[in-house]
Amino acid sequence: MNNEEALFAMEEGMEKAVDYMMHEFSTVRTGKASPALVENMDVEAYGSQMKLKQLAMITTPEPRLLVIQPFDQTTVKAIEKALKESRLGINPLVDGKIIRLPMPELSEDRRKDLVKAIKAMAEETRVRLRGYRRDGMDAAKKLKKDGKLTEDQMVDFEADAQKLTDKFSKSIDDHLAHKEAEIMRV
């Protein structure tokens, strides 16, 4: 491994961490219906755990309504059970082969709780970024110890690693601010 490969590995890991955070943000409801709220929910069906999006079509015919249409009518009860046990706090309405999820208006306290939750997600991602930076720095120190990096190259590597960390930290802050504004919007 050389210093370019170490930087590339760092950047790749940081990108994945931010992408994961964005995926997690999409599961936090903002008062409007989005299939992302439920599509990756685990459902006990056919004797194993399956994602809801594998079992049903999820649509949003209205801004505050999710409609779930199972491909197989025998999975309706399992999907209903998974929705009731989820952390969404929304009671599903079963209408024959269709499950409706009406999105209630968020209270001010609930909005504040959701903001706390996304801030915690963002902090977890920052911790991951620091871990990737540490791993990159360890790799560079090993290269220097093995004589593959000079002192000047080490200083340059540290500067590049910090630039990457700052770039992804700013990305986290931007996404967090956007999501927070979206949640607090009435």
N, C-alpha and C. Protein backbone atom coordinates (compact mmCIF):
# COMPACT_ATOMS: atom_id res chain seq x y z
N MET A 1 0.86 -1.19 0.00
CA MET A 1 0.00 0.00 0.00
C MET A 1 0.90 1.24 0.00
N ASN A 2 0.50 2.24 -0.79
CA ASN A 2 1.22 3.50 -0.77
C ASN A 2 0.30 4.59 -0.22
N ASN A 3 0.84 5.82 -0.14
CA ASN A 3 0.05 6.88 0.48
C ASN A 3 -1.22 7.22 -0.33
N GLU A 4 -1.17 7.09 -1.67
CA GLU A 4 -2.36 7.35 -2.49
C GLU A 4 -3.46 6.33 -2.19
N GLU A 5 -3.07 5.08 -2.06
CA GLU A 5 -4.04 4.03 -1.75
C GLU A 5 -4.63 4.23 -0.36
N ALA A 6 -3.82 4.65 0.58
CA ALA A 6 -4.31 4.90 1.94
C ALA A 6 -5.32 6.04 1.94
N LEU A 7 -5.03 7.12 1.19
CA LEU A 7 -5.97 8.24 1.08
C LEU A 7 -7.26 7.80 0.41
N PHE A 8 -7.13 6.99 -0.66
CA PHE A 8 -8.30 6.52 -1.37
C PHE A 8 -9.18 5.66 -0.46
N ALA A 9 -8.56 4.78 0.31
CA ALA A 9 -9.32 3.93 1.24
C ALA A 9 -10.02 4.78 2.29
N MET A 10 -9.34 5.82 2.77
CA MET A 10 -9.94 6.73 3.74
C MET A 10 -11.17 7.41 3.15
N GLU A 11 -10.99 7.94 1.94
CA GLU A 11 -12.10 8.67 1.29
C GLU A 11 -13.28 7.74 1.03
N GLU A 12 -12.99 6.53 0.57
CA GLU A 12 -14.05 5.57 0.30
C GLU A 12 -14.84 5.24 1.57
N GLY A 13 -14.13 5.01 2.67
CA GLY A 13 -14.80 4.72 3.93
C GLY A 13 -15.64 5.88 4.42
N MET A 14 -15.11 7.10 4.30
CA MET A 14 -15.85 8.28 4.74
C MET A 14 -17.10 8.49 3.89
N GLU A 15 -16.97 8.24 2.58
CA GLU A 15 -18.12 8.37 1.69
C GLU A 15 -19.22 7.39 2.10
N LYS A 16 -18.83 6.16 2.39
CA LYS A 16 -19.81 5.15 2.80
C LYS A 16 -20.48 5.54 4.11
N ALA A 17 -19.72 6.12 5.03
CA ALA A 17 -20.29 6.53 6.32
C ALA A 17 -21.34 7.62 6.11
N VAL A 18 -21.04 8.60 5.26
CA VAL A 18 -22.00 9.68 5.00
C VAL A 18 -23.23 9.13 4.25
N ASP A 19 -23.01 8.23 3.30
CA ASP A 19 -24.14 7.63 2.59
C ASP A 19 -25.05 6.86 3.54
N TYR A 20 -24.44 6.14 4.48
CA TYR A 20 -25.24 5.40 5.46
C TYR A 20 -26.05 6.37 6.33
N MET A 21 -25.42 7.47 6.72
CA MET A 21 -26.14 8.46 7.53
C MET A 21 -27.33 9.01 6.74
N MET A 22 -27.12 9.28 5.46
CA MET A 22 -28.22 9.79 4.62
C MET A 22 -29.36 8.77 4.55
N HIS A 23 -29.00 7.50 4.44
CA HIS A 23 -30.02 6.45 4.42
C HIS A 23 -30.78 6.45 5.75
N GLU A 24 -30.05 6.55 6.85
CA GLU A 24 -30.69 6.59 8.17
C GLU A 24 -31.60 7.82 8.30
N PHE A 25 -31.15 8.96 7.79
CA PHE A 25 -31.97 10.18 7.83
C PHE A 25 -33.29 9.96 7.08
N SER A 26 -33.24 9.21 5.98
CA SER A 26 -34.45 9.02 5.18
C SER A 26 -35.50 8.21 5.93
N THR A 27 -35.09 7.47 6.96
CA THR A 27 -36.06 6.69 7.72
C THR A 27 -36.72 7.51 8.83
N VAL A 28 -36.24 8.72 9.07
CA VAL A 28 -36.84 9.58 10.09
C VAL A 28 -37.95 10.38 9.43
N ARG A 29 -39.15 10.22 9.94
CA ARG A 29 -40.28 10.86 9.27
C ARG A 29 -40.35 12.34 9.58
N THR A 30 -40.81 13.06 8.59
CA THR A 30 -40.87 14.52 8.70
C THR A 30 -42.29 15.04 8.64
N GLY A 31 -43.26 14.18 8.84
CA GLY A 31 -44.64 14.61 8.77
C GLY A 31 -45.27 14.34 7.42
N LYS A 32 -44.45 14.01 6.42
CA LYS A 32 -45.02 13.65 5.13
C LYS A 32 -44.63 12.21 4.82
N ALA A 33 -45.48 11.55 4.08
CA ALA A 33 -45.27 10.13 3.79
C ALA A 33 -44.13 9.94 2.79
N SER A 34 -43.31 8.93 3.04
CA SER A 34 -42.23 8.57 2.14
C SER A 34 -42.03 7.06 2.23
N PRO A 35 -41.94 6.38 1.08
CA PRO A 35 -41.73 4.94 1.12
C PRO A 35 -40.46 4.54 1.88
N ALA A 36 -39.47 5.43 1.93
CA ALA A 36 -38.22 5.14 2.63
C ALA A 36 -38.45 4.88 4.12
N LEU A 37 -39.57 5.36 4.67
CA LEU A 37 -39.86 5.14 6.08
C LEU A 37 -40.02 3.66 6.42
N VAL A 38 -40.55 2.89 5.47
CA VAL A 38 -40.88 1.50 5.77
C VAL A 38 -40.25 0.47 4.85
N GLU A 39 -39.69 0.87 3.73
CA GLU A 39 -39.27 -0.11 2.72
C GLU A 39 -38.21 -1.10 3.20
N ASN A 40 -37.36 -0.71 4.14
CA ASN A 40 -36.33 -1.62 4.63
C ASN A 40 -36.68 -2.27 5.96
N MET A 41 -37.95 -2.17 6.34
CA MET A 41 -38.42 -2.78 7.57
C MET A 41 -38.41 -4.31 7.41
N ASP A 42 -37.94 -5.00 8.45
CA ASP A 42 -37.92 -6.47 8.40
C ASP A 42 -39.30 -7.02 8.72
N VAL A 43 -39.72 -8.00 7.91
CA VAL A 43 -41.01 -8.66 8.09
C VAL A 43 -40.75 -10.17 8.14
N GLU A 44 -41.36 -10.84 9.11
CA GLU A 44 -41.25 -12.30 9.22
C GLU A 44 -42.25 -12.91 8.24
N ALA A 45 -41.75 -13.42 7.10
CA ALA A 45 -42.62 -14.00 6.08
C ALA A 45 -41.93 -15.19 5.44
N TYR A 46 -42.71 -16.18 5.09
CA TYR A 46 -42.19 -17.38 4.44
C TYR A 46 -41.08 -18.04 5.25
N GLY A 47 -41.15 -17.94 6.56
CA GLY A 47 -40.19 -18.59 7.43
C GLY A 47 -38.85 -17.89 7.57
N SER A 48 -38.73 -16.65 7.09
CA SER A 48 -37.48 -15.92 7.24
C SER A 48 -37.76 -14.41 7.32
N GLN A 49 -36.71 -13.65 7.61
CA GLN A 49 -36.83 -12.18 7.66
C GLN A 49 -36.66 -11.63 6.25
N MET A 50 -37.60 -10.82 5.81
CA MET A 50 -37.53 -10.21 4.48
C MET A 50 -37.80 -8.72 4.62
N LYS A 51 -37.27 -7.95 3.69
CA LYS A 51 -37.52 -6.51 3.66
C LYS A 51 -38.92 -6.28 3.10
N LEU A 52 -39.61 -5.27 3.61
CA LEU A 52 -40.97 -4.98 3.17
C LEU A 52 -41.03 -4.71 1.67
N LYS A 53 -40.00 -4.04 1.13
CA LYS A 53 -40.02 -3.72 -0.30
C LYS A 53 -39.96 -4.97 -1.17
N GLN A 54 -39.53 -6.11 -0.61
CA GLN A 54 -39.52 -7.37 -1.34
C GLN A 54 -40.89 -8.04 -1.33
N LEU A 55 -41.73 -7.62 -0.39
CA LEU A 55 -43.03 -8.26 -0.21
C LEU A 55 -44.21 -7.46 -0.73
N ALA A 56 -44.00 -6.16 -0.96
CA ALA A 56 -45.14 -5.32 -1.31
C ALA A 56 -44.72 -4.10 -2.12
N MET A 57 -45.70 -3.53 -2.79
CA MET A 57 -45.50 -2.26 -3.48
C MET A 57 -45.91 -1.15 -2.50
N ILE A 58 -45.05 -0.14 -2.37
CA ILE A 58 -45.30 0.94 -1.41
C ILE A 58 -45.47 2.23 -2.19
N THR A 59 -46.63 2.88 -2.02
CA THR A 59 -46.90 4.13 -2.75
C THR A 59 -47.37 5.22 -1.80
N THR A 60 -47.33 6.45 -2.30
CA THR A 60 -47.81 7.60 -1.52
C THR A 60 -48.83 8.36 -2.38
N PRO A 61 -50.09 7.91 -2.35
CA PRO A 61 -51.11 8.58 -3.17
C PRO A 61 -51.44 9.99 -2.68
N GLU A 62 -51.21 10.24 -1.40
CA GLU A 62 -51.44 11.56 -0.80
C GLU A 62 -50.22 11.92 0.04
N PRO A 63 -49.99 13.21 0.30
CA PRO A 63 -48.81 13.60 1.08
C PRO A 63 -48.72 13.00 2.47
N ARG A 64 -49.84 12.65 3.07
CA ARG A 64 -49.83 12.11 4.43
C ARG A 64 -50.33 10.67 4.50
N LEU A 65 -50.17 9.92 3.42
CA LEU A 65 -50.66 8.56 3.41
C LEU A 65 -49.71 7.63 2.64
N LEU A 66 -49.35 6.53 3.28
CA LEU A 66 -48.60 5.46 2.62
C LEU A 66 -49.57 4.32 2.37
N VAL A 67 -49.50 3.74 1.18
CA VAL A 67 -50.33 2.59 0.86
C VAL A 67 -49.40 1.43 0.53
N ILE A 68 -49.62 0.32 1.22
CA ILE A 68 -48.79 -0.87 1.03
C ILE A 68 -49.67 -1.96 0.44
N GLN A 69 -49.29 -2.43 -0.76
CA GLN A 69 -50.04 -3.48 -1.44
C GLN A 69 -49.16 -4.72 -1.54
N PRO A 70 -49.39 -5.71 -0.66
CA PRO A 70 -48.58 -6.94 -0.70
C PRO A 70 -48.77 -7.67 -2.04
N PHE A 71 -47.68 -8.26 -2.52
CA PHE A 71 -47.74 -9.05 -3.74
C PHE A 71 -48.51 -10.34 -3.50
N ASP A 72 -48.40 -10.87 -2.28
CA ASP A 72 -49.08 -12.09 -1.88
C ASP A 72 -49.99 -11.76 -0.70
N GLN A 73 -51.29 -12.02 -0.86
CA GLN A 73 -52.26 -11.65 0.17
C GLN A 73 -52.01 -12.34 1.51
N THR A 74 -51.29 -13.47 1.51
CA THR A 74 -51.05 -14.20 2.76
C THR A 74 -50.05 -13.47 3.66
N THR A 75 -49.36 -12.47 3.14
CA THR A 75 -48.37 -11.74 3.95
C THR A 75 -48.96 -10.50 4.63
N VAL A 76 -50.23 -10.22 4.42
CA VAL A 76 -50.84 -9.01 4.99
C VAL A 76 -50.70 -8.98 6.51
N LYS A 77 -51.03 -10.10 7.17
CA LYS A 77 -50.96 -10.14 8.65
C LYS A 77 -49.52 -9.94 9.14
N ALA A 78 -48.55 -10.55 8.46
CA ALA A 78 -47.15 -10.42 8.88
C ALA A 78 -46.68 -8.97 8.71
N ILE A 79 -47.09 -8.34 7.62
CA ILE A 79 -46.70 -6.94 7.39
C ILE A 79 -47.35 -6.03 8.43
N GLU A 80 -48.62 -6.28 8.72
CA GLU A 80 -49.33 -5.49 9.74
C GLU A 80 -48.63 -5.63 11.09
N LYS A 81 -48.25 -6.84 11.44
CA LYS A 81 -47.57 -7.08 12.72
C LYS A 81 -46.24 -6.33 12.78
N ALA A 82 -45.45 -6.39 11.69
CA ALA A 82 -44.16 -5.69 11.66
C ALA A 82 -44.35 -4.18 11.79
N LEU A 83 -45.38 -3.65 11.16
CA LEU A 83 -45.64 -2.20 11.23
C LEU A 83 -46.05 -1.80 12.65
N LYS A 84 -46.86 -2.63 13.30
CA LYS A 84 -47.30 -2.32 14.67
C LYS A 84 -46.13 -2.37 15.65
N GLU A 85 -45.19 -3.28 15.42
CA GLU A 85 -44.05 -3.44 16.33
C GLU A 85 -42.90 -2.48 16.02
N SER A 86 -43.00 -1.74 14.93
CA SER A 86 -41.91 -0.84 14.53
C SER A 86 -41.86 0.39 15.42
N ARG A 87 -40.77 1.16 15.29
CA ARG A 87 -40.59 2.38 16.09
C ARG A 87 -41.31 3.58 15.46
N LEU A 88 -42.07 3.35 14.38
CA LEU A 88 -42.77 4.46 13.73
C LEU A 88 -43.87 5.06 14.59
N GLY A 89 -44.54 4.22 15.36
CA GLY A 89 -45.62 4.70 16.21
C GLY A 89 -46.87 5.03 15.41
N ILE A 90 -47.06 4.37 14.29
CA ILE A 90 -48.24 4.60 13.44
C ILE A 90 -49.02 3.31 13.37
N ASN A 91 -50.32 3.42 13.59
CA ASN A 91 -51.17 2.24 13.56
C ASN A 91 -51.64 1.96 12.13
N PRO A 92 -51.30 0.80 11.57
CA PRO A 92 -51.71 0.49 10.20
C PRO A 92 -53.21 0.17 10.12
N LEU A 93 -53.83 0.56 9.03
CA LEU A 93 -55.24 0.26 8.79
C LEU A 93 -55.31 -0.77 7.67
N VAL A 94 -55.80 -1.97 7.97
CA VAL A 94 -55.89 -3.04 6.97
C VAL A 94 -57.26 -2.98 6.31
N ASP A 95 -57.25 -2.95 4.99
CA ASP A 95 -58.48 -2.88 4.21
C ASP A 95 -58.41 -3.97 3.15
N GLY A 96 -58.72 -5.19 3.56
CA GLY A 96 -58.65 -6.32 2.62
C GLY A 96 -57.20 -6.65 2.28
N LYS A 97 -56.83 -6.39 1.01
CA LYS A 97 -55.48 -6.68 0.54
C LYS A 97 -54.55 -5.48 0.67
N ILE A 98 -55.05 -4.36 1.11
CA ILE A 98 -54.27 -3.11 1.16
C ILE A 98 -54.08 -2.67 2.60
N ILE A 99 -52.88 -2.17 2.90
CA ILE A 99 -52.59 -1.62 4.23
C ILE A 99 -52.34 -0.13 4.05
N ARG A 100 -53.07 0.67 4.82
CA ARG A 100 -52.88 2.12 4.76
C ARG A 100 -52.16 2.58 6.03
N LEU A 101 -51.22 3.51 5.85
CA LEU A 101 -50.50 4.10 6.99
C LEU A 101 -50.70 5.61 6.96
N PRO A 102 -51.69 6.13 7.70
CA PRO A 102 -51.88 7.58 7.72
C PRO A 102 -50.82 8.24 8.62
N MET A 103 -50.19 9.29 8.11
CA MET A 103 -49.14 9.99 8.86
C MET A 103 -49.78 11.11 9.69
N PRO A 104 -49.74 10.97 11.01
CA PRO A 104 -50.31 12.03 11.85
C PRO A 104 -49.39 13.25 11.87
N GLU A 105 -49.96 14.37 12.22
CA GLU A 105 -49.18 15.61 12.36
C GLU A 105 -48.20 15.43 13.53
N LEU A 106 -46.99 15.92 13.36
CA LEU A 106 -45.99 15.81 14.43
C LEU A 106 -46.16 16.94 15.44
N SER A 107 -46.11 16.58 16.73
CA SER A 107 -46.18 17.60 17.77
C SER A 107 -44.80 18.26 17.91
N GLU A 108 -44.75 19.38 18.57
CA GLU A 108 -43.49 20.11 18.77
C GLU A 108 -42.48 19.25 19.55
N ASP A 109 -42.96 18.56 20.59
CA ASP A 109 -42.07 17.69 21.38
C ASP A 109 -41.51 16.56 20.53
N ARG A 110 -42.37 15.97 19.70
CA ARG A 110 -41.93 14.87 18.84
C ARG A 110 -40.89 15.36 17.83
N ARG A 111 -41.10 16.57 17.30
CA ARG A 111 -40.12 17.15 16.36
C ARG A 111 -38.76 17.33 17.04
N LYS A 112 -38.79 17.82 18.28
CA LYS A 112 -37.53 18.01 19.02
C LYS A 112 -36.84 16.68 19.28
N ASP A 113 -37.63 15.65 19.59
CA ASP A 113 -37.06 14.31 19.79
C ASP A 113 -36.41 13.78 18.51
N LEU A 114 -37.07 14.03 17.39
CA LEU A 114 -36.52 13.58 16.10
C LEU A 114 -35.23 14.32 15.78
N VAL A 115 -35.17 15.62 16.10
CA VAL A 115 -33.94 16.39 15.87
C VAL A 115 -32.81 15.82 16.73
N LYS A 116 -33.11 15.49 17.98
CA LYS A 116 -32.09 14.87 18.84
C LYS A 116 -31.59 13.56 18.23
N ALA A 117 -32.51 12.79 17.69
CA ALA A 117 -32.15 11.50 17.09
C ALA A 117 -31.24 11.69 15.88
N ILE A 118 -31.55 12.65 15.02
CA ILE A 118 -30.69 12.83 13.83
C ILE A 118 -29.34 13.44 14.22
N LYS A 119 -29.32 14.25 15.28
CA LYS A 119 -28.03 14.77 15.74
C LYS A 119 -27.16 13.63 16.27
N ALA A 120 -27.78 12.66 16.94
CA ALA A 120 -27.03 11.50 17.42
C ALA A 120 -26.50 10.68 16.24
N MET A 121 -27.31 10.54 15.18
CA MET A 121 -26.86 9.83 13.98
C MET A 121 -25.67 10.55 13.35
N ALA A 122 -25.75 11.87 13.30
CA ALA A 122 -24.67 12.66 12.71
C ALA A 122 -23.39 12.52 13.53
N GLU A 123 -23.53 12.50 14.85
CA GLU A 123 -22.35 12.36 15.71
C GLU A 123 -21.72 10.97 15.53
N GLU A 124 -22.55 9.95 15.41
CA GLU A 124 -22.02 8.60 15.15
C GLU A 124 -21.21 8.59 13.84
N THR A 125 -21.70 9.30 12.85
CA THR A 125 -20.99 9.36 11.56
C THR A 125 -19.68 10.12 11.71
N ARG A 126 -19.67 11.19 12.50
CA ARG A 126 -18.42 11.92 12.74
C ARG A 126 -17.39 11.01 13.42
N VAL A 127 -17.85 10.19 14.36
CA VAL A 127 -16.96 9.24 15.03
C VAL A 127 -16.37 8.26 14.01
N ARG A 128 -17.21 7.80 13.08
CA ARG A 128 -16.72 6.90 12.03
C ARG A 128 -15.66 7.60 11.18
N LEU A 129 -15.91 8.88 10.85
CA LEU A 129 -14.93 9.65 10.06
C LEU A 129 -13.59 9.70 10.78
N ARG A 130 -13.63 10.00 12.07
CA ARG A 130 -12.38 10.07 12.83
C ARG A 130 -11.68 8.71 12.85
N GLY A 131 -12.46 7.65 12.90
CA GLY A 131 -11.88 6.30 12.86
C GLY A 131 -11.18 6.04 11.53
N TYR A 132 -11.81 6.45 10.43
CA TYR A 132 -11.17 6.28 9.12
C TYR A 132 -9.90 7.13 9.01
N ARG A 133 -9.95 8.35 9.56
CA ARG A 133 -8.76 9.20 9.54
C ARG A 133 -7.63 8.54 10.36
N ARG A 134 -7.98 8.01 11.53
CA ARG A 134 -7.00 7.33 12.37
C ARG A 134 -6.39 6.14 11.64
N ASP A 135 -7.24 5.35 10.98
CA ASP A 135 -6.74 4.19 10.23
C ASP A 135 -5.78 4.63 9.13
N GLY A 136 -6.14 5.71 8.43
CA GLY A 136 -5.27 6.24 7.38
C GLY A 136 -3.94 6.73 7.93
N MET A 137 -4.00 7.41 9.06
CA MET A 137 -2.77 7.91 9.69
C MET A 137 -1.90 6.74 10.15
N ASP A 138 -2.51 5.70 10.69
CA ASP A 138 -1.75 4.51 11.10
C ASP A 138 -1.05 3.87 9.91
N ALA A 139 -1.78 3.79 8.79
CA ALA A 139 -1.19 3.22 7.57
C ALA A 139 -0.01 4.07 7.10
N ALA A 140 -0.16 5.39 7.17
CA ALA A 140 0.92 6.29 6.75
C ALA A 140 2.13 6.15 7.68
N LYS A 141 1.87 6.03 8.97
CA LYS A 141 2.98 5.86 9.92
C LYS A 141 3.72 4.55 9.66
N LYS A 142 2.98 3.52 9.30
CA LYS A 142 3.61 2.24 8.99
C LYS A 142 4.46 2.38 7.72
N LEU A 143 3.93 3.11 6.72
CA LEU A 143 4.70 3.33 5.49
C LEU A 143 5.99 4.12 5.79
N LYS A 144 5.87 5.11 6.66
CA LYS A 144 7.05 5.90 7.02
C LYS A 144 8.07 5.02 7.76
N LYS A 145 7.57 4.19 8.65
CA LYS A 145 8.44 3.31 9.42
C LYS A 145 9.16 2.32 8.48
N ASP A 146 8.45 1.87 7.44
CA ASP A 146 9.03 0.94 6.48
C ASP A 146 9.93 1.63 5.46
N GLY A 147 10.03 2.95 5.56
CA GLY A 147 10.89 3.71 4.65
C GLY A 147 10.26 4.03 3.30
N LYS A 148 8.95 3.85 3.17
CA LYS A 148 8.27 4.12 1.90
C LYS A 148 7.73 5.55 1.82
N LEU A 149 7.75 6.27 2.94
CA LEU A 149 7.32 7.67 2.99
C LEU A 149 8.42 8.50 3.64
N THR A 150 8.66 9.66 3.05
CA THR A 150 9.62 10.59 3.66
C THR A 150 8.88 11.45 4.67
N GLU A 151 9.62 12.24 5.42
CA GLU A 151 9.02 13.14 6.41
C GLU A 151 8.09 14.14 5.72
N ASP A 152 8.54 14.70 4.59
CA ASP A 152 7.72 15.67 3.84
C ASP A 152 6.44 15.02 3.31
N GLN A 153 6.54 13.80 2.81
CA GLN A 153 5.37 13.10 2.32
C GLN A 153 4.39 12.81 3.45
N MET A 154 4.93 12.55 4.63
CA MET A 154 4.08 12.29 5.80
C MET A 154 3.30 13.54 6.16
N VAL A 155 3.98 14.70 6.14
CA VAL A 155 3.31 15.97 6.44
C VAL A 155 2.22 16.24 5.41
N ASP A 156 2.53 15.98 4.12
CA ASP A 156 1.54 16.17 3.06
C ASP A 156 0.34 15.23 3.26
N PHE A 157 0.63 13.99 3.63
CA PHE A 157 -0.43 13.01 3.87
C PHE A 157 -1.34 13.47 4.99
N GLU A 158 -0.75 13.95 6.09
CA GLU A 158 -1.55 14.43 7.22
C GLU A 158 -2.45 15.58 6.80
N ALA A 159 -1.91 16.50 5.98
CA ALA A 159 -2.70 17.64 5.50
C ALA A 159 -3.85 17.15 4.61
N ASP A 160 -3.57 16.21 3.72
CA ASP A 160 -4.61 15.67 2.84
C ASP A 160 -5.68 14.92 3.64
N ALA A 161 -5.25 14.18 4.64
CA ALA A 161 -6.20 13.44 5.49
C ALA A 161 -7.10 14.42 6.23
N GLN A 162 -6.54 15.51 6.72
CA GLN A 162 -7.36 16.50 7.42
C GLN A 162 -8.33 17.18 6.47
N LYS A 163 -7.88 17.48 5.23
CA LYS A 163 -8.77 18.09 4.24
C LYS A 163 -9.96 17.17 3.95
N LEU A 164 -9.68 15.87 3.79
CA LEU A 164 -10.76 14.92 3.56
C LEU A 164 -11.74 14.89 4.73
N THR A 165 -11.20 14.84 5.93
CA THR A 165 -12.05 14.80 7.12
C THR A 165 -12.90 16.06 7.21
N ASP A 166 -12.29 17.22 6.94
CA ASP A 166 -13.04 18.48 6.99
C ASP A 166 -14.14 18.51 5.92
N LYS A 167 -13.82 18.00 4.74
CA LYS A 167 -14.80 17.99 3.63
C LYS A 167 -16.01 17.15 4.02
N PHE A 168 -15.78 15.97 4.55
CA PHE A 168 -16.90 15.10 4.91
C PHE A 168 -17.62 15.58 6.17
N SER A 169 -16.90 16.23 7.07
CA SER A 169 -17.56 16.81 8.26
C SER A 169 -18.51 17.92 7.84
N LYS A 170 -18.09 18.72 6.88
CA LYS A 170 -18.96 19.79 6.37
C LYS A 170 -20.19 19.18 5.69
N SER A 171 -19.99 18.10 4.96
CA SER A 171 -21.10 17.42 4.31
C SER A 171 -22.11 16.93 5.36
N ILE A 172 -21.61 16.36 6.45
CA ILE A 172 -22.48 15.91 7.53
C ILE A 172 -23.27 17.09 8.10
N ASP A 173 -22.57 18.19 8.37
CA ASP A 173 -23.23 19.37 8.94
C ASP A 173 -24.31 19.91 8.00
N ASP A 174 -24.01 19.93 6.70
CA ASP A 174 -24.99 20.43 5.72
C ASP A 174 -26.23 19.55 5.68
N HIS A 175 -26.02 18.23 5.62
CA HIS A 175 -27.15 17.30 5.59
C HIS A 175 -27.96 17.38 6.88
N LEU A 176 -27.27 17.52 8.01
CA LEU A 176 -27.95 17.63 9.29
C LEU A 176 -28.81 18.90 9.34
N ALA A 177 -28.26 20.01 8.92
CA ALA A 177 -29.01 21.27 8.93
C ALA A 177 -30.25 21.17 8.03
N HIS A 178 -30.09 20.55 6.87
CA HIS A 178 -31.21 20.41 5.94
C HIS A 178 -32.31 19.54 6.54
N LYS A 179 -31.92 18.40 7.13
CA LYS A 179 -32.89 17.49 7.71
C LYS A 179 -33.57 18.11 8.93
N GLU A 180 -32.79 18.85 9.74
CA GLU A 180 -33.36 19.51 10.91
C GLU A 180 -34.41 20.54 10.48
N ALA A 181 -34.10 21.31 9.44
CA ALA A 181 -35.06 22.30 8.94
C ALA A 181 -36.32 21.61 8.41
N GLU A 182 -36.13 20.48 7.75
CA GLU A 182 -37.25 19.72 7.20
C GLU A 182 -38.15 19.19 8.33
N ILE A 183 -37.55 18.73 9.40
CA ILE A 183 -38.33 18.20 10.53
C ILE A 183 -39.07 19.32 11.25
N MET A 184 -38.42 20.45 11.46
CA MET A 184 -39.02 21.53 12.24
C MET A 184 -40.06 22.34 11.45
N ARG A 185 -40.08 22.15 10.13
CA ARG A 185 -41.05 22.87 9.29
C ARG A 185 -42.45 22.34 9.60
N VAL A 186 -43.37 23.25 9.89
CA VAL A 186 -44.73 22.84 10.25
C VAL A 186 -45.62 22.80 9.03
